[in-house]
């Protein structure tokens, strides 16, 4: 039997702010009469962090409802409040216990997923993590039926029906095959790709959608966190998007400042300073930093557009103690005594170029051929050998060296 304890204390207060935090005005209701019934989808959960699978699940749910006479006018991703996420992560294991991302970062990721999905109906609601959490009293968080109840109230007078969207595991665990326990609220269950869908309807207002397209049904927040801890940009980009992988693994100074506590939990290092805090002690180092700032943005663009190195910038991307033989004079170099200064003062684009090279050679089976000209390969070897001797390297540079050592 489905059992949920609804939280009625202070819900009236929270309801007063319902229309302000549920973006009802963003729903796409038809301008005139329509034979289809309007429906609004809702997906809740820790979303720590959100990923492409969450968006794909709502898209799959919208398809099954559209084929059953409904007009889906909007779909809400509703990340849970901080207290719920913190409690859930404390029950985890090892390093995962520490990664409870703030609602602000989870909202930002969800908003970007929404914007990049191409689905104008995909929206993000802050109600559950903001007004809803404040209304939850001593427990500190609301159960998903309460969130359904709030959305239903916010839609009063529109004629729209709320459908709660969840995975099969959640439906089995909470007995949702008989409904969510809120009158007038339906359910759409979205199975994983390995699950078999025997029927599109389980009875009443409970529908069963097709599994999310591609590999999205196999994505999980746990796998995303594992990829981030491993500094695996490629896997993170696959489960979110390239731009979100950059946000999580290669933040700008501004992004790191805004979400510094979250990056600390994820083990992501601060970006290199965009400008040196003081004048470099070596003229060759000063010139190296200047050329990195002026030359490497074009190098990064080249790698992004062409997928390989085609112009001349190896001396500034892979600096060593030796000036380049064909480098424009005066030459540049870094020494054991100035390496720490370079790590503090180099522009962010140096890191971005190195990580982009690593991404490309990984995709190329850890082979330089087709990505880096053969003439540059010996310099990369000297670069790796030199920087491996430098103490107190940031995690991102350790990862770069590890990747380059695998290449041939």
Foldseek 3Di string as FASTA:
>chain_A
DFDDDAQPFQVVVLLVCLCVQPVPVLFADDPDDDQAFEAEEEEEEQCLAPWLLVVLLVVQLCVLSVVVRHDYRAYEYEHAAQVVQLVVLCPPDDLSNLQRAHPVVNQVLLVVLCVPVPDSRYYYGDSQHPSVQVRRPPVRGGDVVNVLVSVVVSCPPVRYAYEYEEEPVVCVVRVPLVHDPDPRYAYEYAYAQPDDDPAQHSDDRYGYGYHGPDNSSVDDSVVLLVCLLVLPLVVNCVGHHNVVSCLQAPNAQVSCVVRVSNNVSSLHDHFADQAAPDQQPDPLANVLQVCCNVPLVVQLVCCVVPVAGDDDDLCNLQAAQDFDPPDPPPTHHAALVCPVRCRRGHHRSSLVNLVSLLVSCVVVVQERPPHYDPVSLVSNVRSLVRVVPHPPDRPSVVVSSVSNVSHD
